[in-house]
Amino acid sequence: MLLVTSFVALAQQNPALPIDPNVRTGKLENGLTYYIRNNGQPENRADFYIAQKVGSMQEEDN
């Protein structure tokens, strides 16, 4: 049982992804981390994607 529990815990740890050198990153005072990258296609447009770390895996026990 302990062996199975260990494998489950290891499976939930994701290795860090390499960051593209063309990506500008930063963190605001409120904790928001941002990533900005210039994209030439399509021209004269901006795309925004929001990824939120929310859910039961991010909750802390009280």
Protein backbone atom coordinates (compact mmCIF):
# COMPACT_ATOMS: atom_id res chain seq x y z
CA MET A 1 0.00 0.00 0.00
CA LEU A 2 2.84 2.40 0.84
CA LEU A 3 4.45 1.69 -2.53
CA VAL A 4 1.25 2.56 -4.40
CA THR A 5 0.85 5.76 -2.39
CA SER A 6 4.43 6.76 -3.23
CA PHE A 7 3.82 6.30 -6.95
CA VAL A 8 0.64 8.38 -6.80
CA ALA A 9 2.50 11.21 -5.07
CA LEU A 10 5.31 11.12 -7.63
CA ALA A 11 2.88 11.06 -10.54
CA GLN A 12 1.40 14.38 -9.39
CA GLN A 13 4.76 16.19 -9.50
CA ASN A 14 5.29 17.75 -12.92
CA PRO A 15 8.77 18.75 -14.09
CA ALA A 16 9.23 22.42 -14.94
CA LEU A 17 8.78 23.22 -18.61
CA PRO A 18 11.62 25.04 -20.35
CA ILE A 19 10.80 28.71 -20.99
CA ASP A 20 11.15 30.07 -24.51
CA PRO A 21 13.94 32.72 -24.52
CA ASN A 22 11.57 34.99 -26.50
CA VAL A 23 9.08 35.02 -23.61
CA ARG A 24 9.18 37.90 -21.13
CA THR A 25 8.04 36.85 -17.66
CA GLY A 26 7.33 38.71 -14.47
CA LYS A 27 5.34 38.69 -11.27
CA LEU A 28 3.13 41.51 -10.02
CA GLU A 29 2.89 42.61 -6.39
CA ASN A 30 -0.44 40.77 -6.06
CA GLY A 31 1.22 37.47 -7.03
CA LEU A 32 0.01 37.31 -10.65
CA THR A 33 2.68 35.77 -12.87
CA TYR A 34 2.62 36.86 -16.51
CA TYR A 35 4.23 35.67 -19.73
CA ILE A 36 4.44 37.91 -22.82
CA ARG A 37 5.62 36.84 -26.27
CA ASN A 38 5.52 38.67 -29.57
CA ASN A 39 3.62 36.77 -32.25
CA GLY A 40 3.71 38.06 -35.84
CA GLN A 41 0.78 35.94 -37.04
CA PRO A 42 -1.94 37.06 -37.38
CA GLU A 43 -0.78 40.63 -37.95
CA ASN A 44 -2.29 43.57 -36.06
CA ARG A 45 -4.00 41.34 -33.48
CA ALA A 46 -3.47 40.39 -29.88
CA ASP A 47 -4.35 37.05 -28.30
CA PHE A 48 -4.81 36.61 -24.57
CA TYR A 49 -4.93 33.34 -22.66
CA ILE A 50 -5.57 33.08 -18.94
CA ALA A 51 -4.50 29.97 -17.04
CA GLN A 52 -5.62 29.84 -13.43
CA LYS A 53 -4.30 27.53 -10.74
CA VAL A 54 -7.61 26.78 -9.07
CA GLY A 55 -9.30 23.69 -7.77
CA SER A 56 -9.08 21.19 -4.98
CA MET A 57 -5.40 20.41 -5.64
CA GLN A 58 -4.46 24.04 -4.79
CA GLU A 59 -6.59 24.23 -1.63
CA GLU A 60 -4.97 24.10 1.77
CA ASP A 61 -6.44 22.22 4.73
CA ASN A 62 -7.79 24.49 7.47
